[in-house]
Protein backbone atom coordinates (compact mmCIF):
# COMPACT_ATOMS: atom_id res chain seq x y z
CA MET A 1 54.22 73.36 -179.60
CA ASN A 2 51.81 73.15 -176.69
CA VAL A 3 48.25 74.03 -177.74
CA ILE A 4 45.54 74.18 -175.10
CA ALA A 5 41.81 74.73 -175.40
CA VAL A 6 40.41 77.31 -173.00
CA ILE A 7 36.65 77.35 -172.47
CA GLN A 8 35.27 80.55 -170.99
CA ALA A 9 32.29 79.96 -168.72
CA ARG A 10 30.29 81.90 -166.16
CA MET A 11 26.82 81.69 -164.70
CA GLY A 12 25.94 85.37 -165.00
CA SER A 13 24.56 85.57 -168.53
CA ALA A 14 22.32 88.65 -168.90
CA ARG A 15 19.82 87.04 -171.27
CA LEU A 16 19.78 83.46 -169.97
CA PRO A 17 21.36 83.18 -166.50
CA GLY A 18 22.91 79.83 -165.69
CA LYS A 19 22.73 78.68 -169.30
CA VAL A 20 26.13 76.95 -169.26
CA LEU A 21 24.91 74.44 -166.68
CA SER A 22 21.43 74.02 -168.12
CA ASP A 23 20.47 70.51 -169.20
CA LEU A 24 20.88 69.49 -172.82
CA GLY A 25 20.13 65.90 -173.64
CA GLY A 26 20.81 64.77 -170.09
CA ARG A 27 24.09 66.58 -169.43
CA PRO A 28 25.09 70.22 -168.76
CA VAL A 29 25.76 72.41 -171.78
CA LEU A 30 29.31 73.05 -170.55
CA GLU A 31 29.99 69.31 -170.49
CA TRP A 32 29.15 69.15 -174.20
CA VAL A 33 31.82 71.74 -174.90
CA ILE A 34 34.36 70.00 -172.68
CA ARG A 35 33.72 66.67 -174.43
CA ALA A 36 34.26 68.25 -177.85
CA ALA A 37 37.53 69.85 -176.74
CA ARG A 38 38.75 66.60 -175.22
CA ALA A 39 37.89 64.72 -178.42
CA SER A 40 40.17 67.04 -180.40
CA ASN A 41 43.95 66.97 -180.71
CA VAL A 42 44.70 69.79 -178.26
CA ASP A 43 47.23 69.06 -175.55
CA ASP A 44 45.06 70.12 -172.63
CA VAL A 45 41.66 71.59 -171.79
CA ILE A 46 41.15 74.33 -169.20
CA VAL A 47 37.90 76.00 -168.17
CA ALA A 48 38.32 79.68 -167.33
CA THR A 49 35.60 80.88 -164.98
CA SER A 50 35.40 83.70 -162.46
CA VAL A 51 35.84 84.19 -158.74
CA HIS A 52 32.18 85.16 -158.40
CA GLY A 53 30.39 82.96 -155.87
CA ASP A 54 27.80 81.76 -158.40
CA ASP A 55 30.58 80.31 -160.53
CA GLN A 56 31.57 77.81 -157.84
CA ALA A 57 29.02 75.51 -159.48
CA ILE A 58 31.19 75.56 -162.61
CA VAL A 59 34.28 74.76 -160.57
CA ASP A 60 32.44 71.85 -158.96
CA LEU A 61 31.39 70.42 -162.34
CA CYS A 62 34.95 70.71 -163.69
CA ARG A 63 36.32 68.85 -160.69
CA LYS A 64 33.69 66.15 -161.16
CA LEU A 65 34.68 65.79 -164.81
CA GLY A 66 38.40 65.92 -164.05
CA VAL A 67 39.07 69.00 -166.16
CA ARG A 68 41.41 71.79 -165.11
CA VAL A 69 39.82 75.07 -164.06
CA VAL A 70 41.15 78.56 -163.35
CA CYS A 71 39.28 81.49 -161.82
CA GLY A 72 39.70 85.19 -162.49
CA ASP A 73 37.87 88.43 -163.07
CA GLU A 74 34.22 87.99 -164.01
CA GLN A 75 34.05 90.79 -166.59
CA ASP A 76 37.67 90.87 -167.82
CA VAL A 77 37.55 87.68 -169.86
CA LEU A 78 40.88 88.33 -171.57
CA SER A 79 42.63 88.35 -168.20
CA ARG A 80 41.16 84.92 -167.49
CA TYR A 81 42.65 83.63 -170.72
CA ILE A 82 46.05 84.91 -169.68
CA VAL A 83 45.73 83.07 -166.37
CA ALA A 84 44.86 79.88 -168.28
CA LEU A 85 47.66 80.48 -170.80
CA GLU A 86 50.25 80.71 -168.06
CA ALA A 87 48.78 77.81 -166.09
CA GLY A 88 48.91 75.61 -169.17
CA GLY A 89 52.34 76.75 -170.39
CA ALA A 90 50.81 77.12 -173.83
CA ASP A 91 52.33 78.26 -177.11
CA ALA A 92 48.83 78.86 -178.46
CA VAL A 93 45.32 78.94 -177.06
CA VAL A 94 42.14 77.71 -178.72
CA ARG A 95 39.29 79.92 -177.56
CA LEU A 96 35.97 78.12 -177.06
CA THR A 97 32.83 79.46 -175.44
CA SER A 98 30.62 77.46 -173.12
CA ASP A 99 27.41 78.33 -174.95
CA CYS A 100 28.34 76.40 -178.10
CA PRO A 101 27.48 72.78 -177.24
CA LEU A 102 27.53 71.37 -180.79
CA LEU A 103 31.20 72.07 -181.47
CA ASP A 104 32.91 69.71 -183.90
CA PRO A 105 36.26 68.36 -182.65
CA GLU A 106 37.47 68.11 -186.23
CA LEU A 107 37.00 71.85 -186.72
CA ILE A 108 39.22 72.39 -183.69
CA ASN A 109 41.79 70.03 -185.23
CA GLN A 110 41.72 71.90 -188.55
CA VAL A 111 42.27 75.28 -186.93
CA VAL A 112 45.14 73.90 -184.84
CA ALA A 113 46.65 72.19 -187.90
CA VAL A 114 46.76 75.47 -189.83
CA TRP A 115 48.67 77.11 -187.00
CA ARG A 116 51.02 74.16 -186.51
CA CYS A 117 51.87 74.33 -190.21
CA ASN A 118 52.62 78.05 -189.89
CA PRO A 119 53.23 79.10 -186.27
CA THR A 120 54.16 82.62 -187.42
CA LEU A 121 50.41 83.21 -187.60
CA ASP A 122 49.00 85.17 -184.68
CA TYR A 123 45.36 84.22 -185.15
CA VAL A 124 43.45 81.44 -186.93
CA SER A 125 39.70 80.94 -186.83
CA THR A 126 36.51 79.76 -188.49
CA THR A 127 35.00 83.21 -187.91
CA LEU A 128 37.34 85.62 -189.70
CA ASN A 129 34.90 85.33 -192.58
CA ARG A 130 31.99 83.39 -191.13
CA THR A 131 30.66 80.62 -193.39
CA LEU A 132 29.51 78.11 -190.75
CA PRO A 133 26.51 78.36 -188.41
CA ARG A 134 26.98 80.64 -185.42
CA GLY A 135 27.86 78.32 -182.55
CA LEU A 136 30.52 76.30 -184.37
CA ASP A 137 33.13 78.96 -183.65
CA VAL A 138 36.77 78.01 -183.13
CA GLU A 139 39.52 80.59 -182.64
CA LEU A 140 43.23 80.16 -181.99
CA ALA A 141 45.57 82.86 -180.74
CA ALA A 142 49.32 82.49 -180.47
CA ALA A 143 50.61 83.06 -176.95
CA GLY A 144 52.68 86.11 -177.88
CA ALA A 145 49.79 87.80 -179.64
CA LEU A 146 47.46 87.10 -176.74
CA ARG A 147 49.92 88.62 -174.28
CA GLN A 148 50.22 91.70 -176.49
CA ALA A 149 46.44 91.97 -176.59
CA ASP A 150 46.33 91.78 -172.81
CA ALA A 151 48.84 94.62 -172.54
CA ARG A 152 46.97 96.89 -174.96
CA ALA A 153 43.30 95.95 -175.12
CA VAL A 154 40.63 98.06 -173.44
CA GLY A 155 36.85 98.12 -173.34
CA TYR A 156 34.94 95.48 -175.26
CA HIS A 157 38.18 93.94 -176.51
CA ARG A 158 38.72 92.57 -173.01
CA VAL A 159 35.30 90.92 -173.13
CA HIS A 160 35.75 89.40 -176.58
CA VAL A 161 39.37 88.30 -175.91
CA THR A 162 40.58 88.07 -179.52
CA SER A 163 38.80 90.96 -181.23
CA SER A 164 41.80 93.30 -181.06
CA LEU A 165 43.81 90.75 -183.04
CA TYR A 166 41.55 90.65 -186.11
CA GLU A 167 40.56 94.30 -186.42
CA LEU A 168 41.21 95.51 -189.94
CA ASP A 169 44.04 97.81 -188.86
CA ALA A 170 45.57 95.37 -186.36
CA PRO A 171 49.22 94.41 -187.04
CA TYR A 172 48.65 90.69 -186.64
CA ALA A 173 48.97 87.83 -189.12
CA CYS A 174 45.56 86.18 -189.42
CA ALA A 175 44.17 83.22 -191.33
CA GLY A 176 40.61 81.98 -191.64
CA LEU A 177 38.94 78.73 -192.62
CA MET A 178 36.12 79.17 -195.14
CA PHE A 179 33.61 76.61 -196.39
CA ARG A 180 31.38 76.54 -199.45
CA PRO A 181 28.50 76.56 -199.70
CA ALA A 182 28.11 78.88 -196.74
CA TYR A 183 25.70 78.07 -193.92
CA ASN A 184 26.13 81.21 -191.84
CA GLN A 185 22.40 81.85 -191.85
CA PHE A 186 21.98 79.11 -189.21
CA ARG A 187 22.31 79.47 -185.45
CA VAL A 188 23.29 76.75 -182.93
CA THR A 189 24.53 78.83 -180.02
CA LEU A 190 22.74 79.37 -176.70
CA ASP A 191 21.73 82.91 -175.78
CA GLU A 192 17.97 82.81 -175.28
CA GLU A 193 15.25 80.31 -174.45
CA ALA A 194 14.44 79.88 -178.14
CA ASP A 195 18.02 78.71 -178.69
CA ALA A 196 17.63 76.15 -175.90
CA ILE A 197 14.50 74.73 -177.52
CA ALA A 198 16.16 74.50 -180.93
CA LEU A 199 19.29 72.86 -179.52
CA ALA A 200 17.23 70.30 -177.60
CA GLN A 201 15.46 69.27 -180.78
CA LEU A 202 18.75 69.04 -182.68
CA VAL A 203 20.27 66.83 -179.99
CA GLU A 204 17.31 64.46 -180.31
CA ILE A 205 18.28 64.05 -183.97
CA LEU A 206 22.08 64.07 -183.63
CA GLY A 207 22.42 61.92 -180.51
CA ASP A 208 24.65 62.17 -177.47
CA GLN A 209 28.08 62.83 -178.93
CA PRO A 210 30.06 65.77 -180.31
CA PRO A 211 28.60 66.01 -183.83
CA ALA A 212 30.38 66.60 -187.11
CA TRP A 213 29.51 70.08 -188.37
CA ARG A 214 28.15 68.67 -191.63
CA ASP A 215 25.71 66.54 -189.64
CA VAL A 216 24.56 69.66 -187.81
CA VAL A 217 24.06 71.51 -191.09
CA ASN A 218 22.27 68.56 -192.70
CA ALA A 219 19.88 68.36 -189.76
CA LEU A 220 19.12 72.06 -190.06
CA VAL A 221 18.57 71.82 -193.80
CA ARG A 222 16.19 68.88 -193.36
CA HIS A 223 14.29 70.51 -190.50
CA PRO A 224 13.40 74.12 -191.32
CA GLU A 225 10.90 74.02 -188.45
CA ILE A 226 13.85 73.85 -186.04
CA VAL A 227 15.61 76.71 -187.82
CA ALA A 228 12.50 78.82 -187.42
CA ILE A 229 12.47 78.43 -183.62
CA ASN A 230 15.41 80.77 -183.00
CA ALA A 231 15.63 82.55 -186.34
CA GLY A 232 14.56 85.80 -184.69
CA VAL A 233 17.23 85.82 -181.99
CA GLU A 234 19.63 88.70 -182.57
CA GLN A 235 23.31 88.39 -181.77
CA LYS A 236 24.89 91.13 -179.71
CA THR A 237 27.42 93.31 -181.50
CA LEU A 238 31.03 93.44 -180.36
CA ILE A 239 30.51 96.83 -178.79
CA GLU A 240 27.50 95.58 -176.78
CA GLY A 241 29.70 92.99 -175.09
């Protein structure tokens, strides 16, 4: 069972352009995500970027770090995942986003372990019923289900890659990891400048390594002043893209 991690990345963010290559603790945000994926038990890591000229900087960083990279349509993110799926010869794909620098490799391992124990599942994630901070998201899609999504998905489903798999009326077998107590009120993803400030302060506390999610939560609990920095940032809805 070949499981690969695919990290979607592009420079053209509407709210914070170039955020994936912005500096966080002395290294690009994307490198944080790559390190976390490499520290997990996946079989390979591929960055899926676009053919847009601005994204050549992402290609250059991937080559410098020795990580595989594929390029595809800038807006059709699902099609990029299919390119990566085929390039990696994968039986399942772990979807990671390049604006989540504090990913925990062990969360990736746990999601993959659930699927390996039951590969009839089409979709496994930490977000089916979100109980962790936004920004610690890990999703896995079986190759067959992802190909079916590519054949059928339209509109915002092509931007969000997996959303057509976990819709309430979707005919796919899904499983979710839940944790108690829940900490879904916290936010450690990068969408706006306030997020960048909060993440920089967290990294000063956590150090230069992929952190355990409990360490991230403990830091947030101990430092409500950091939580307050980006508490007002609103997440886009699925339909908004």
